[in-house]
Amino acid sequence: MDPAEIPLRDLQLPAEIGWWPPAPGWWLLIGFAGVGLLALIVHLRKVRAFNAARRHALRTLDEYAGDYRRHRNPVVLATQVSALLRRVMLAYVPRSEVAGLTGDDWLKWLDRDLDDPAFASGVGRQLLELPYRNPDTPPGDYDVDALLDVVRRRIETPIGGLV
């Protein structure tokens, strides 16, 4: 038989495979990604809520520093800062652990998780006497800026590794 006489036709290729609907494996991957994204959003919202007291305390500390720059009374500032520190620490640790601490015990507790003992043997010792002075007496030689820095560092540093 002559090859020119053979009744051959062109090859017919099947239609291209469409991308929709995806294969079951892709559906699983999309589902896992959705669950993971949802879990991440929930986690980030919890972290944000947990750190709300810290953010509020830092804004309040900035307000107290601004007030101090206007009235220049370290006694009022130390009183405000001392109360702020107590409130912030009560927001992150059990009341029974912090509420009853006073004096050197309170300062030692504030030094927890800090790199250096800024409260027990540093500038933070001003919190023992300064809030209890008469606000109308002339201020002594106090390093208020260093005290504000130490308090800011204490508020920013998580307690016991809590984020």
C-alpha atoms as a PDB file:
ATOM      1  CA  MET A   1       0.000   0.000   0.000  1.00  0.00           C
ATOM      2  CA  ASP A   2       1.150   3.437  -0.914  1.00  0.00           C
ATOM      3  CA  PRO A   3       1.734   5.719   2.147  1.00  0.00           C
ATOM      4  CA  ALA A   4       0.051   8.632   0.372  1.00  0.00           C
ATOM      5  CA  GLU A   5      -3.159   6.654   0.070  1.00  0.00           C
ATOM      6  CA  ILE A   6      -3.490   5.742   3.765  1.00  0.00           C
ATOM      7  CA  PRO A   7      -6.440   7.653   5.300  1.00  0.00           C
ATOM      8  CA  LEU A   8      -4.668   9.347   8.265  1.00  0.00           C
ATOM      9  CA  ARG A   9      -5.990  12.254  10.211  1.00  0.00           C
ATOM     10  CA  ASP A  10      -4.210  14.774  12.502  1.00  0.00           C
ATOM     11  CA  LEU A  11      -3.901  13.882  16.159  1.00  0.00           C
ATOM     12  CA  GLN A  12      -6.690  15.293  18.311  1.00  0.00           C
ATOM     13  CA  LEU A  13      -5.316  16.536  21.672  1.00  0.00           C
ATOM     14  CA  PRO A  14      -7.635  16.617  24.658  1.00  0.00           C
ATOM     15  CA  ALA A  15      -8.760  20.008  25.997  1.00  0.00           C
ATOM     16  CA  GLU A  16      -6.444  21.659  28.544  1.00  0.00           C
ATOM     17  CA  ILE A  17      -7.154  20.800  32.131  1.00  0.00           C
ATOM     18  CA  GLY A  18      -8.748  23.826  33.834  1.00  0.00           C
ATOM     19  CA  TRP A  19      -7.638  25.184  37.174  1.00  0.00           C
ATOM     20  CA  TRP A  20     -11.162  25.051  38.595  1.00  0.00           C
ATOM     21  CA  PRO A  21     -12.216  23.130  40.605  1.00  0.00           C
ATOM     22  CA  PRO A  22      -8.998  22.517  42.486  1.00  0.00           C
ATOM     23  CA  ALA A  23      -7.925  19.048  43.435  1.00  0.00           C
ATOM     24  CA  PRO A  24      -8.781  17.832  46.981  1.00  0.00           C
ATOM     25  CA  GLY A  25      -5.214  18.429  48.137  1.00  0.00           C
ATOM     26  CA  TRP A  26      -5.495  22.108  47.270  1.00  0.00           C
ATOM     27  CA  TRP A  27      -8.758  22.344  49.207  1.00  0.00           C
ATOM     28  CA  LEU A  28      -6.979  20.866  52.220  1.00  0.00           C
ATOM     29  CA  LEU A  29      -4.105  23.316  51.856  1.00  0.00           C
ATOM     30  CA  ILE A  30      -6.523  26.256  51.594  1.00  0.00           C
ATOM     31  CA  GLY A  31      -8.359  25.014  54.695  1.00  0.00           C
ATOM     32  CA  PHE A  32      -5.149  24.680  56.725  1.00  0.00           C
ATOM     33  CA  ALA A  33      -4.018  28.133  55.612  1.00  0.00           C
ATOM     34  CA  GLY A  34      -7.383  29.600  56.632  1.00  0.00           C
ATOM     35  CA  VAL A  35      -7.271  27.950  60.056  1.00  0.00           C
ATOM     36  CA  GLY A  36      -3.674  29.091  60.519  1.00  0.00           C
ATOM     37  CA  LEU A  37      -4.536  32.658  59.585  1.00  0.00           C
ATOM     38  CA  LEU A  38      -7.486  32.652  61.959  1.00  0.00           C
ATOM     39  CA  ALA A  39      -5.302  31.269  64.776  1.00  0.00           C
ATOM     40  CA  LEU A  40      -2.695  33.962  64.111  1.00  0.00           C
ATOM     41  CA  ILE A  41      -5.317  36.711  64.242  1.00  0.00           C
ATOM     42  CA  VAL A  42      -6.740  35.373  67.517  1.00  0.00           C
ATOM     43  CA  HIS A  43      -3.245  35.133  69.020  1.00  0.00           C
ATOM     44  CA  LEU A  44      -2.305  38.666  67.980  1.00  0.00           C
ATOM     45  CA  ARG A  45      -5.530  40.026  69.447  1.00  0.00           C
ATOM     46  CA  LYS A  46      -4.803  38.253  72.752  1.00  0.00           C
ATOM     47  CA  VAL A  47      -1.266  39.645  72.860  1.00  0.00           C
ATOM     48  CA  ARG A  48      -2.559  43.124  72.097  1.00  0.00           C
ATOM     49  CA  ALA A  49      -5.188  42.862  74.830  1.00  0.00           C
ATOM     50  CA  PHE A  50      -2.601  41.507  77.273  1.00  0.00           C
ATOM     51  CA  ASN A  51      -0.277  44.448  76.594  1.00  0.00           C
ATOM     52  CA  ALA A  52      -3.038  47.063  76.822  1.00  0.00           C
ATOM     53  CA  ALA A  53      -2.195  47.877  80.448  1.00  0.00           C
ATOM     54  CA  ARG A  54       1.469  48.342  79.522  1.00  0.00           C
ATOM     55  CA  ARG A  55       0.630  50.700  76.641  1.00  0.00           C
ATOM     56  CA  HIS A  56      -1.750  52.688  78.834  1.00  0.00           C
ATOM     57  CA  ALA A  57       0.862  52.921  81.597  1.00  0.00           C
ATOM     58  CA  LEU A  58       3.493  54.216  79.189  1.00  0.00           C
ATOM     59  CA  ARG A  59       1.110  56.905  77.913  1.00  0.00           C
ATOM     60  CA  THR A  60       0.270  57.836  81.503  1.00  0.00           C
ATOM     61  CA  LEU A  61       3.969  58.000  82.384  1.00  0.00           C
ATOM     62  CA  ASP A  62       4.494  60.401  79.482  1.00  0.00           C
ATOM     63  CA  GLU A  63       1.642  62.547  80.806  1.00  0.00           C
ATOM     64  CA  TYR A  64       3.208  62.572  84.280  1.00  0.00           C
ATOM     65  CA  ALA A  65       6.572  63.567  82.794  1.00  0.00           C
ATOM     66  CA  GLY A  66       4.896  66.407  80.893  1.00  0.00           C
ATOM     67  CA  ASP A  67       3.140  67.552  84.061  1.00  0.00           C
ATOM     68  CA  TYR A  68       6.461  67.464  85.915  1.00  0.00           C
ATOM     69  CA  ARG A  69       8.090  69.677  83.295  1.00  0.00           C
ATOM     70  CA  ARG A  70       5.373  72.242  83.978  1.00  0.00           C
ATOM     71  CA  HIS A  71       5.176  72.160  87.794  1.00  0.00           C
ATOM     72  CA  ARG A  72       8.728  70.919  88.651  1.00  0.00           C
ATOM     73  CA  ASN A  73       7.582  69.159  91.814  1.00  0.00           C
ATOM     74  CA  PRO A  74       9.403  65.829  92.218  1.00  0.00           C
ATOM     75  CA  VAL A  75       7.240  64.823  95.192  1.00  0.00           C
ATOM     76  CA  VAL A  76       4.050  64.898  93.121  1.00  0.00           C
ATOM     77  CA  LEU A  77       5.762  63.054  90.283  1.00  0.00           C
ATOM     78  CA  ALA A  78       7.160  60.343  92.578  1.00  0.00           C
ATOM     79  CA  THR A  79       3.726  59.854  94.145  1.00  0.00           C
ATOM     80  CA  GLN A  80       2.106  59.468  90.743  1.00  0.00           C
ATOM     81  CA  VAL A  81       4.830  57.159  89.443  1.00  0.00           C
ATOM     82  CA  SER A  82       4.747  54.984  92.556  1.00  0.00           C
ATOM     83  CA  ALA A  83       0.988  54.477  92.250  1.00  0.00           C
ATOM     84  CA  LEU A  84       1.316  53.834  88.505  1.00  0.00           C
ATOM     85  CA  LEU A  85       3.960  51.156  89.065  1.00  0.00           C
ATOM     86  CA  ARG A  86       1.766  49.420  91.619  1.00  0.00           C
ATOM     87  CA  ARG A  87      -1.258  49.440  89.276  1.00  0.00           C
ATOM     88  CA  VAL A  88       0.739  48.116  86.330  1.00  0.00           C
ATOM     89  CA  MET A  89       2.312  45.314  88.319  1.00  0.00           C
ATOM     90  CA  LEU A  90      -1.106  44.337  89.689  1.00  0.00           C
ATOM     91  CA  ALA A  91      -2.332  44.043  86.115  1.00  0.00           C
ATOM     92  CA  TYR A  92       0.263  41.351  85.327  1.00  0.00           C
ATOM     93  CA  VAL A  93       0.809  39.354  88.516  1.00  0.00           C
ATOM     94  CA  PRO A  94      -1.523  37.998  91.184  1.00  0.00           C
ATOM     95  CA  ARG A  95      -2.624  40.492  93.795  1.00  0.00           C
ATOM     96  CA  SER A  96      -1.359  38.281  96.624  1.00  0.00           C
ATOM     97  CA  GLU A  97       2.179  38.477  95.235  1.00  0.00           C
ATOM     98  CA  VAL A  98       2.441  42.268  94.928  1.00  0.00           C
ATOM     99  CA  ALA A  99      -0.187  44.113  96.953  1.00  0.00           C
ATOM    100  CA  GLY A 100       1.394  43.645 100.373  1.00  0.00           C
ATOM    101  CA  LEU A 101       4.960  44.535  99.419  1.00  0.00           C
ATOM    102  CA  THR A 102       6.440  47.730 100.828  1.00  0.00           C
ATOM    103  CA  GLY A 103       9.838  49.320 101.283  1.00  0.00           C
ATOM    104  CA  ASP A 104      12.899  47.334 100.255  1.00  0.00           C
ATOM    105  CA  ASP A 105      10.817  44.229  99.507  1.00  0.00           C
ATOM    106  CA  TRP A 106       8.830  46.215  96.923  1.00  0.00           C
ATOM    107  CA  LEU A 107      11.997  47.605  95.356  1.00  0.00           C
ATOM    108  CA  LYS A 108      13.594  44.140  95.196  1.00  0.00           C
ATOM    109  CA  TRP A 109      10.450  42.821  93.554  1.00  0.00           C
ATOM    110  CA  LEU A 110      10.543  45.647  90.990  1.00  0.00           C
ATOM    111  CA  ASP A 111      14.092  44.590  90.069  1.00  0.00           C
ATOM    112  CA  ARG A 112      12.817  41.183  88.878  1.00  0.00           C
ATOM    113  CA  ASP A 113      13.775  40.488  85.266  1.00  0.00           C
ATOM    114  CA  LEU A 114      15.756  43.737  84.961  1.00  0.00           C
ATOM    115  CA  ASP A 115      19.414  43.619  83.923  1.00  0.00           C
ATOM    116  CA  ASP A 116      20.616  45.727  86.836  1.00  0.00           C
ATOM    117  CA  PRO A 117      19.082  46.387  90.268  1.00  0.00           C
ATOM    118  CA  ALA A 118      17.906  49.896  89.423  1.00  0.00           C
ATOM    119  CA  PHE A 119      15.349  50.016  92.214  1.00  0.00           C
ATOM    120  CA  ALA A 120      16.908  48.236  95.203  1.00  0.00           C
ATOM    121  CA  SER A 121      20.328  49.834  94.887  1.00  0.00           C
ATOM    122  CA  GLY A 122      19.930  52.488  92.209  1.00  0.00           C
ATOM    123  CA  VAL A 123      17.954  55.574  91.371  1.00  0.00           C
ATOM    124  CA  GLY A 124      14.687  53.737  92.084  1.00  0.00           C
ATOM    125  CA  ARG A 125      15.381  54.037  95.821  1.00  0.00           C
ATOM    126  CA  GLN A 126      13.958  57.554  95.508  1.00  0.00           C
ATOM    127  CA  LEU A 127      10.522  55.915  95.553  1.00  0.00           C
ATOM    128  CA  LEU A 128      11.026  55.038  99.239  1.00  0.00           C
ATOM    129  CA  GLU A 129      11.218  58.583 100.533  1.00  0.00           C
ATOM    130  CA  LEU A 130      10.285  61.051  97.812  1.00  0.00           C
ATOM    131  CA  PRO A 131       6.524  60.336  97.656  1.00  0.00           C
ATOM    132  CA  TYR A 132       6.228  60.875 101.405  1.00  0.00           C
ATOM    133  CA  ARG A 133       7.865  64.288 101.570  1.00  0.00           C
ATOM    134  CA  ASN A 134       5.858  67.452 101.961  1.00  0.00           C
ATOM    135  CA  PRO A 135       5.173  68.687  98.400  1.00  0.00           C
ATOM    136  CA  ASP A 136       5.522  72.312  99.514  1.00  0.00           C
ATOM    137  CA  THR A 137       9.084  71.937 100.776  1.00  0.00           C
ATOM    138  CA  PRO A 138      11.879  72.838  98.376  1.00  0.00           C
ATOM    139  CA  PRO A 139      12.959  69.831  96.319  1.00  0.00           C
ATOM    140  CA  GLY A 140      16.233  68.208  97.158  1.00  0.00           C
ATOM    141  CA  ASP A 141      18.795  66.834  94.771  1.00  0.00           C
ATOM    142  CA  TYR A 142      16.834  64.173  92.910  1.00  0.00           C
ATOM    143  CA  ASP A 143      17.523  62.737  89.479  1.00  0.00           C
ATOM    144  CA  VAL A 144      13.968  62.721  88.153  1.00  0.00           C
ATOM    145  CA  ASP A 145      14.918  61.954  84.546  1.00  0.00           C
ATOM    146  CA  ALA A 146      16.823  58.839  85.628  1.00  0.00           C
ATOM    147  CA  LEU A 147      13.860  57.797  87.782  1.00  0.00           C
ATOM    148  CA  LEU A 148      11.514  58.173  84.822  1.00  0.00           C
ATOM    149  CA  ASP A 149      13.872  56.114  82.652  1.00  0.00           C
ATOM    150  CA  VAL A 150      14.013  53.325  85.232  1.00  0.00           C
ATOM    151  CA  VAL A 151      10.241  53.284  85.648  1.00  0.00           C
ATOM    152  CA  ARG A 152       9.776  53.220  81.860  1.00  0.00           C
ATOM    153  CA  ARG A 153      12.195  50.292  81.596  1.00  0.00           C
ATOM    154  CA  ARG A 154      10.343  48.439  84.373  1.00  0.00           C
ATOM    155  CA  ILE A 155       6.999  48.928  82.619  1.00  0.00           C
ATOM    156  CA  GLU A 156       8.398  47.877  79.232  1.00  0.00           C
ATOM    157  CA  THR A 157      10.145  44.757  80.591  1.00  0.00           C
ATOM    158  CA  PRO A 158       7.801  41.767  80.787  1.00  0.00           C
ATOM    159  CA  ILE A 159       7.385  40.108  84.158  1.00  0.00           C
ATOM    160  CA  GLY A 160       8.671  36.538  84.248  1.00  0.00           C
ATOM    161  CA  GLY A 161       8.962  36.268  80.481  1.00  0.00           C
ATOM    162  CA  LEU A 162       5.315  37.142  79.836  1.00  0.00           C
ATOM    163  CA  VAL A 163       4.893  38.997  76.599  1.00  0.00           C
END
